Structure formats: structure tokens, C-alpha cells
Amino acid sequence: MSELIVWTYDWVPEGPRGFVRDIRLRWACEEAGLGYTVRTVPFKDRGPDHLARQPFGQVPFLSDGELEIFESGAGLLHLARKSEKLLPRDPVGEAQTLQWTISALNSIEMMTVPWWFLEVSGAKENHLTGWMESRLDHIESILKDREWLVADRFTVADLLLADVLRVEKIRSFGNRPVTERYVARITGRPAFKKALADQLVHFAKAD
């Protein structure tokens, strides 16, 4: 079996620690029981070798033997194919997992990230707030009738959506108790707790 390597930065400032997206790949490996190692690229000097593997100078990217994949969503789907703990093998379950995984990236994170950038930039008016509230209301309505996004089991789609939504500030508009319980339940999983603790230790060691 080829070696899985999760690549992240050697250091980041305190603010993003715990939220750098290599945590998604760490978490998926922990859930699936896949052995992996973590290696680093420089945060401050993003040279040609980094750009050759991730053309935007970001992290994470994943190595699986001779195969290399960038973007956290692509890495998650690659890992999910390795384990039924992350991706059902029946056609309906697999299709539903894929659609919700893409939805977490395209319909939810597509809104939350630019909204957050406007907030931290000190914009006088954030025109994305109403749009994001609508998306979060839709998620609340969907989760009201189910424990998981797909059938009766945890999948990589739940992992990704919970990671997108666990930024508390993003969920601070309105009262959405179902979403709160969903995020708390999924981030309470031992695999997430280990991935989070490992990432925090990783960056703290570089101080």
C-alpha cells in the first residue's frame, strides 16, 4: 500500500490555527483508519516546488504514492474512495454523498468564505449577509428531518459540512438549534478531536 502524505504549512499565525484545511484530510484519515504522515512547505516563502504541487500556493495537498492531489475537496473524495466509513458503496448512497460534498463546497463554503473576508476587512456593509443567512436557513430545514446528510450514517459529506460550519461567527445569525446540534455532534467525534489536537500541536511547535 502506498504512503499517504498530508502536506501543510510549517507555521501559521495563531488566528487560523485549528482551521487550516489540512485538518479535513487528517480527520478523514483518522475516521477511516488510514495511516498517514504530515509534511510541510514554508508558509512565508512559497517557492516553485510548492507551486508545482498546488498552483495557488495553498494547502493542503495530498500525496498517495506517485499520485498527487491538491484542493481539500479533491483530497477528501480520494480518501473517501478508500473506505466505506466515508463513502457508501451502493450507487444511491455514493451519489448522495458526492452531491452533498460538492454542495458543502459550492453552495455553503462559496458563501461563507467571501462573507468572512468582508467581515474581517471592516467593510461598512456586507451585502452577502442575507444570502448567507438564506443558505444557512436551508441547511437548518434539511437537517431538521435527518441525523446525517446521507441515509442513516456518517459520511465524508458530514465531515466537510461540519468543518465549513464550525466557525462560530458564521452561524451567529438567527436561531438554528438543529444546525448547532449537528455541528456539535460531528465535531465531538474522536477522529475530529485527534485531528484538531494534532494540528494545534504541529503549529505550536514551530513558534
C-alpha atoms as a PDB file:
ATOM      1  CA  MET A   1       0.000   0.000   0.000  1.00  0.00           C
ATOM      2  CA  SER A   2       1.342   3.431  -0.943  1.00  0.00           C
ATOM      3  CA  GLU A   3       2.175   6.021   1.710  1.00  0.00           C
ATOM      4  CA  LEU A   4      -0.344   8.786   2.336  1.00  0.00           C
ATOM      5  CA  ILE A   5       1.210  12.186   2.999  1.00  0.00           C
ATOM      6  CA  VAL A   6      -0.815  15.214   4.034  1.00  0.00           C
ATOM      7  CA  TRP A   7       1.034  18.431   3.208  1.00  0.00           C
ATOM      8  CA  THR A   8       0.507  21.605   5.192  1.00  0.00           C
ATOM      9  CA  TYR A   9       2.382  24.757   6.158  1.00  0.00           C
ATOM     10  CA  ASP A  10       5.340  24.659   8.519  1.00  0.00           C
ATOM     11  CA  TRP A  11       3.754  27.505  10.521  1.00  0.00           C
ATOM     12  CA  VAL A  12       0.752  29.818  10.508  1.00  0.00           C
ATOM     13  CA  PRO A  13      -0.235  32.740  12.792  1.00  0.00           C
ATOM     14  CA  GLU A  14      -2.362  31.896  15.812  1.00  0.00           C
ATOM     15  CA  GLY A  15      -5.645  33.085  14.263  1.00  0.00           C
ATOM     16  CA  PRO A  16      -6.129  30.345  11.645  1.00  0.00           C
ATOM     17  CA  ARG A  17      -4.742  27.524  13.775  1.00  0.00           C
ATOM     18  CA  GLY A  18      -7.299  24.783  14.079  1.00  0.00           C
ATOM     19  CA  PHE A  19      -8.913  25.842  10.795  1.00  0.00           C
ATOM     20  CA  VAL A  20      -6.170  25.309   8.210  1.00  0.00           C
ATOM     21  CA  ARG A  21      -7.739  22.867   5.787  1.00  0.00           C
ATOM     22  CA  ASP A  22      -5.215  20.099   6.165  1.00  0.00           C
ATOM     23  CA  ILE A  23      -7.405  19.260   9.170  1.00  0.00           C
ATOM     24  CA  ARG A  24     -10.000  17.894   6.740  1.00  0.00           C
ATOM     25  CA  LEU A  25      -7.582  15.326   5.343  1.00  0.00           C
ATOM     26  CA  ARG A  26      -6.214  14.462   8.781  1.00  0.00           C
ATOM     27  CA  TRP A  27      -9.773  13.970  10.036  1.00  0.00           C
ATOM     28  CA  ALA A  28     -10.760  11.788   7.092  1.00  0.00           C
ATOM     29  CA  CYS A  29      -7.706   9.569   7.590  1.00  0.00           C
ATOM     30  CA  GLU A  30      -8.492   9.241  11.291  1.00  0.00           C
ATOM     31  CA  GLU A  31     -12.130   8.320  10.598  1.00  0.00           C
ATOM     32  CA  ALA A  32     -11.144   5.728   8.014  1.00  0.00           C
ATOM     33  CA  GLY A  33      -8.207   4.302   9.974  1.00  0.00           C
ATOM     34  CA  LEU A  34      -5.793   5.179   7.167  1.00  0.00           C
ATOM     35  CA  GLY A  35      -2.157   5.577   8.130  1.00  0.00           C
ATOM     36  CA  TYR A  36      -0.633   8.894   7.083  1.00  0.00           C
ATOM     37  CA  THR A  37       2.218  11.270   7.755  1.00  0.00           C
ATOM     38  CA  VAL A  38       2.273  15.050   7.737  1.00  0.00           C
ATOM     39  CA  ARG A  39       4.937  17.020   5.899  1.00  0.00           C
ATOM     40  CA  THR A  40       5.346  20.727   5.390  1.00  0.00           C
ATOM     41  CA  VAL A  41       6.031  23.514   2.951  1.00  0.00           C
ATOM     42  CA  PRO A  42       7.093  27.018   4.045  1.00  0.00           C
ATOM     43  CA  PHE A  43       4.338  29.457   4.909  1.00  0.00           C
ATOM     44  CA  LYS A  44       6.390  32.566   4.155  1.00  0.00           C
ATOM     45  CA  ASP A  45       8.405  31.505   1.132  1.00  0.00           C
ATOM     46  CA  ARG A  46       6.159  29.633  -1.293  1.00  0.00           C
ATOM     47  CA  GLY A  47       8.595  28.561  -3.942  1.00  0.00           C
ATOM     48  CA  PRO A  48       8.446  26.703  -7.258  1.00  0.00           C
ATOM     49  CA  ASP A  49       8.229  23.258  -5.662  1.00  0.00           C
ATOM     50  CA  HIS A  50       5.115  24.278  -3.722  1.00  0.00           C
ATOM     51  CA  LEU A  51       3.525  25.928  -6.748  1.00  0.00           C
ATOM     52  CA  ALA A  52       4.200  22.866  -8.855  1.00  0.00           C
ATOM     53  CA  ARG A  53       2.085  20.844  -6.427  1.00  0.00           C
ATOM     54  CA  GLN A  54      -0.509  23.494  -5.583  1.00  0.00           C
ATOM     55  CA  PRO A  55      -0.675  26.192  -8.279  1.00  0.00           C
ATOM     56  CA  PHE A  56      -2.209  28.756  -5.919  1.00  0.00           C
ATOM     57  CA  GLY A  57       0.367  28.340  -3.159  1.00  0.00           C
ATOM     58  CA  GLN A  58      -2.196  26.973  -0.715  1.00  0.00           C
ATOM     59  CA  VAL A  59      -2.564  23.862   1.436  1.00  0.00           C
ATOM     60  CA  PRO A  60      -3.406  21.113   1.781  1.00  0.00           C
ATOM     61  CA  PHE A  61      -2.301  18.809  -0.936  1.00  0.00           C
ATOM     62  CA  LEU A  62      -2.121  15.059  -0.719  1.00  0.00           C
ATOM     63  CA  SER A  63       0.439  12.514  -1.885  1.00  0.00           C
ATOM     64  CA  ASP A  64      -0.571   8.895  -2.363  1.00  0.00           C
ATOM     65  CA  GLY A  65       2.442   7.144  -3.787  1.00  0.00           C
ATOM     66  CA  GLU A  66       3.069   8.711  -7.194  1.00  0.00           C
ATOM     67  CA  LEU A  67      -0.349  10.371  -7.193  1.00  0.00           C
ATOM     68  CA  GLU A  68      -0.616  13.982  -6.031  1.00  0.00           C
ATOM     69  CA  ILE A  69      -3.867  15.883  -5.487  1.00  0.00           C
ATOM     70  CA  PHE A  70      -4.484  19.489  -4.491  1.00  0.00           C
ATOM     71  CA  GLU A  71      -7.645  21.095  -3.053  1.00  0.00           C
ATOM     72  CA  SER A  72      -9.129  19.744   0.167  1.00  0.00           C
ATOM     73  CA  GLY A  73     -12.357  18.606  -1.517  1.00  0.00           C
ATOM     74  CA  ALA A  74     -10.498  16.560  -4.116  1.00  0.00           C
ATOM     75  CA  GLY A  75      -8.297  15.071  -1.417  1.00  0.00           C
ATOM     76  CA  LEU A  76     -11.332  14.150   0.671  1.00  0.00           C
ATOM     77  CA  LEU A  77     -13.027  12.388  -2.212  1.00  0.00           C
ATOM     78  CA  HIS A  78      -9.842  10.467  -2.982  1.00  0.00           C
ATOM     79  CA  LEU A  79      -9.598   9.311   0.628  1.00  0.00           C
ATOM     80  CA  ALA A  80     -13.315   8.506   0.732  1.00  0.00           C
ATOM     81  CA  ARG A  81     -12.895   6.055  -2.129  1.00  0.00           C
ATOM     82  CA  LYS A  82     -10.542   4.086   0.097  1.00  0.00           C
ATOM     83  CA  SER A  83     -13.049   3.443   2.875  1.00  0.00           C
ATOM     84  CA  GLU A  84     -16.734   2.624   3.238  1.00  0.00           C
ATOM     85  CA  LYS A  85     -16.588   4.532   6.530  1.00  0.00           C
ATOM     86  CA  LEU A  86     -16.517   7.703   4.445  1.00  0.00           C
ATOM     87  CA  LEU A  87     -18.318   6.772   1.233  1.00  0.00           C
ATOM     88  CA  PRO A  88     -21.108   4.198   0.797  1.00  0.00           C
ATOM     89  CA  ARG A  89     -20.575   1.649  -1.932  1.00  0.00           C
ATOM     90  CA  ASP A  90     -24.178   1.395  -3.095  1.00  0.00           C
ATOM     91  CA  PRO A  91     -24.933   3.658  -6.093  1.00  0.00           C
ATOM     92  CA  VAL A  92     -27.609   5.730  -4.338  1.00  0.00           C
ATOM     93  CA  GLY A  93     -25.561   6.297  -1.188  1.00  0.00           C
ATOM     94  CA  GLU A  94     -22.462   7.154  -3.202  1.00  0.00           C
ATOM     95  CA  ALA A  95     -24.329   9.622  -5.406  1.00  0.00           C
ATOM     96  CA  GLN A  96     -25.947  11.329  -2.434  1.00  0.00           C
ATOM     97  CA  THR A  97     -22.612  11.597  -0.641  1.00  0.00           C
ATOM     98  CA  LEU A  98     -20.970  13.139  -3.693  1.00  0.00           C
ATOM     99  CA  GLN A  99     -23.747  15.681  -4.205  1.00  0.00           C
ATOM    100  CA  TRP A 100     -23.690  16.802  -0.563  1.00  0.00           C
ATOM    101  CA  THR A 101     -19.887  17.002  -0.546  1.00  0.00           C
ATOM    102  CA  ILE A 102     -19.932  19.278  -3.589  1.00  0.00           C
ATOM    103  CA  SER A 103     -22.838  21.209  -2.084  1.00  0.00           C
ATOM    104  CA  ALA A 104     -20.845  21.918   1.082  1.00  0.00           C
ATOM    105  CA  LEU A 105     -18.117  23.429  -1.082  1.00  0.00           C
ATOM    106  CA  ASN A 106     -20.176  25.199  -3.759  1.00  0.00           C
ATOM    107  CA  SER A 107     -23.383  26.230  -2.009  1.00  0.00           C
ATOM    108  CA  ILE A 108     -22.192  26.834   1.550  1.00  0.00           C
ATOM    109  CA  GLU A 109     -18.445  27.499   1.661  1.00  0.00           C
ATOM    110  CA  MET A 110     -18.708  29.567  -1.515  1.00  0.00           C
ATOM    111  CA  MET A 111     -20.779  31.984   0.596  1.00  0.00           C
ATOM    112  CA  THR A 112     -19.091  31.729   3.978  1.00  0.00           C
ATOM    113  CA  VAL A 113     -15.535  32.443   2.864  1.00  0.00           C
ATOM    114  CA  PRO A 114     -16.164  35.717   0.970  1.00  0.00           C
ATOM    115  CA  TRP A 115     -18.594  36.781   3.711  1.00  0.00           C
ATOM    116  CA  TRP A 116     -15.896  36.212   6.321  1.00  0.00           C
ATOM    117  CA  PHE A 117     -13.301  38.152   4.302  1.00  0.00           C
ATOM    118  CA  LEU A 118     -15.648  41.128   4.090  1.00  0.00           C
ATOM    119  CA  GLU A 119     -16.260  40.956   7.826  1.00  0.00           C
ATOM    120  CA  VAL A 120     -12.595  40.912   8.822  1.00  0.00           C
ATOM    121  CA  SER A 121     -11.749  43.620   6.279  1.00  0.00           C
ATOM    122  CA  GLY A 122     -14.011  46.015   8.170  1.00  0.00           C
ATOM    123  CA  ALA A 123     -16.467  46.588   5.324  1.00  0.00           C
ATOM    124  CA  LYS A 124     -19.196  49.020   6.379  1.00  0.00           C
ATOM    125  CA  GLU A 125     -21.884  46.833   4.835  1.00  0.00           C
ATOM    126  CA  ASN A 126     -21.660  43.171   3.998  1.00  0.00           C
ATOM    127  CA  HIS A 127     -24.032  42.553   1.105  1.00  0.00           C
ATOM    128  CA  LEU A 128     -23.532  38.797   1.374  1.00  0.00           C
ATOM    129  CA  THR A 129     -25.138  38.502   4.817  1.00  0.00           C
ATOM    130  CA  GLY A 130     -28.710  37.996   3.633  1.00  0.00           C
ATOM    131  CA  TRP A 131     -27.654  35.483   1.013  1.00  0.00           C
ATOM    132  CA  MET A 132     -25.635  33.514   3.552  1.00  0.00           C
ATOM    133  CA  GLU A 133     -28.493  33.578   6.056  1.00  0.00           C
ATOM    134  CA  SER A 134     -30.747  32.053   3.415  1.00  0.00           C
ATOM    135  CA  ARG A 135     -28.292  29.232   2.777  1.00  0.00           C
ATOM    136  CA  LEU A 136     -27.972  28.531   6.499  1.00  0.00           C
ATOM    137  CA  ASP A 137     -31.754  28.501   6.865  1.00  0.00           C
ATOM    138  CA  HIS A 138     -31.960  25.900   4.109  1.00  0.00           C
ATOM    139  CA  ILE A 139     -29.416  23.724   5.935  1.00  0.00           C
ATOM    140  CA  GLU A 140     -31.417  24.060   9.167  1.00  0.00           C
ATOM    141  CA  SER A 141     -34.557  22.908   7.356  1.00  0.00           C
ATOM    142  CA  ILE A 142     -32.781  19.948   5.754  1.00  0.00           C
ATOM    143  CA  LEU A 143     -31.141  18.761   8.974  1.00  0.00           C
ATOM    144  CA  LYS A 144     -34.401  19.015  10.884  1.00  0.00           C
ATOM    145  CA  ASP A 145     -35.572  15.776   9.293  1.00  0.00           C
ATOM    146  CA  ARG A 146     -32.356  13.765   9.392  1.00  0.00           C
ATOM    147  CA  GLU A 147     -29.404  12.966  11.623  1.00  0.00           C
ATOM    148  CA  TRP A 148     -26.940  12.726   8.755  1.00  0.00           C
ATOM    149  CA  LEU A 149     -26.873  14.143   5.234  1.00  0.00           C
ATOM    150  CA  VAL A 150     -26.955  10.688   3.668  1.00  0.00           C
ATOM    151  CA  ALA A 151     -29.306   7.949   4.898  1.00  0.00           C
ATOM    152  CA  ASP A 152     -28.576   6.887   8.470  1.00  0.00           C
ATOM    153  CA  ARG A 153     -24.793   7.139   8.590  1.00  0.00           C
ATOM    154  CA  PHE A 154     -21.839   9.490   8.820  1.00  0.00           C
ATOM    155  CA  THR A 155     -20.049  10.183   5.529  1.00  0.00           C
ATOM    156  CA  VAL A 156     -17.370  12.470   4.180  1.00  0.00           C
ATOM    157  CA  ALA A 157     -20.174  14.917   3.329  1.00  0.00           C
ATOM    158  CA  ASP A 158     -20.945  15.369   7.038  1.00  0.00           C
ATOM    159  CA  LEU A 159     -17.253  15.817   7.756  1.00  0.00           C
ATOM    160  CA  LEU A 160     -16.943  18.593   5.212  1.00  0.00           C
ATOM    161  CA  LEU A 161     -20.175  20.424   6.026  1.00  0.00           C
ATOM    162  CA  ALA A 162     -19.420  20.384   9.746  1.00  0.00           C
ATOM    163  CA  ASP A 163     -15.941  21.743   9.097  1.00  0.00           C
ATOM    164  CA  VAL A 164     -17.362  24.569   6.986  1.00  0.00           C
ATOM    165  CA  LEU A 165     -19.945  25.416   9.651  1.00  0.00           C
ATOM    166  CA  ARG A 166     -17.845  25.050  12.787  1.00  0.00           C
ATOM    167  CA  VAL A 167     -16.643  28.662  12.546  1.00  0.00           C
ATOM    168  CA  GLU A 168     -18.908  30.086  15.227  1.00  0.00           C
ATOM    169  CA  LYS A 169     -19.154  33.538  13.684  1.00  0.00           C
ATOM    170  CA  ILE A 170     -20.621  32.035  10.527  1.00  0.00           C
ATOM    171  CA  ARG A 171     -23.517  30.545  12.491  1.00  0.00           C
ATOM    172  CA  SER A 172     -24.205  33.670  14.548  1.00  0.00           C
ATOM    173  CA  PHE A 173     -27.204  34.911  12.541  1.00  0.00           C
ATOM    174  CA  GLY A 174     -30.564  33.734  13.787  1.00  0.00           C
ATOM    175  CA  ASN A 175     -31.569  30.754  15.871  1.00  0.00           C
ATOM    176  CA  ARG A 176     -30.724  27.398  14.277  1.00  0.00           C
ATOM    177  CA  PRO A 177     -30.687  24.802  17.061  1.00  0.00           C
ATOM    178  CA  VAL A 178     -30.709  21.806  14.719  1.00  0.00           C
ATOM    179  CA  THR A 179     -27.564  23.004  12.962  1.00  0.00           C
ATOM    180  CA  GLU A 180     -25.907  23.702  16.313  1.00  0.00           C
ATOM    181  CA  ARG A 181     -26.576  20.160  17.488  1.00  0.00           C
ATOM    182  CA  TYR A 182     -25.379  18.756  14.172  1.00  0.00           C
ATOM    183  CA  VAL A 183     -22.065  20.606  14.287  1.00  0.00           C
ATOM    184  CA  ALA A 184     -21.544  19.745  17.964  1.00  0.00           C
ATOM    185  CA  ARG A 185     -22.293  16.056  17.354  1.00  0.00           C
ATOM    186  CA  ILE A 186     -19.924  15.718  14.423  1.00  0.00           C
ATOM    187  CA  THR A 187     -17.061  17.745  15.880  1.00  0.00           C
ATOM    188  CA  GLY A 188     -17.452  15.691  19.049  1.00  0.00           C
ATOM    189  CA  ARG A 189     -16.252  12.608  17.207  1.00  0.00           C
ATOM    190  CA  PRO A 190     -12.902  11.240  18.471  1.00  0.00           C
ATOM    191  CA  ALA A 191     -11.356  11.413  14.986  1.00  0.00           C
ATOM    192  CA  PHE A 192     -12.017  15.153  14.746  1.00  0.00           C
ATOM    193  CA  LYS A 193     -10.693  15.808  18.236  1.00  0.00           C
ATOM    194  CA  LYS A 194      -7.457  13.995  17.417  1.00  0.00           C
ATOM    195  CA  ALA A 195      -7.042  15.782  14.080  1.00  0.00           C
ATOM    196  CA  LEU A 196      -7.621  19.150  15.736  1.00  0.00           C
ATOM    197  CA  ALA A 197      -5.234  18.458  18.609  1.00  0.00           C
ATOM    198  CA  ASP A 198      -2.537  17.230  16.224  1.00  0.00           C
ATOM    199  CA  GLN A 199      -2.820  20.320  14.055  1.00  0.00           C
ATOM    200  CA  LEU A 200      -2.607  22.675  17.021  1.00  0.00           C
ATOM    201  CA  VAL A 201       0.475  20.875  18.322  1.00  0.00           C
ATOM    202  CA  HIS A 202       2.037  20.927  14.867  1.00  0.00           C
ATOM    203  CA  PHE A 203       1.843  24.698  14.523  1.00  0.00           C
ATOM    204  CA  ALA A 204       2.706  25.394  18.172  1.00  0.00           C
ATOM    205  CA  LYS A 205       5.979  23.514  17.769  1.00  0.00           C
ATOM    206  CA  ALA A 206       7.025  25.933  15.031  1.00  0.00           C
ATOM    207  CA  ASP A 207       6.733  29.045  17.248  1.00  0.00           C
END
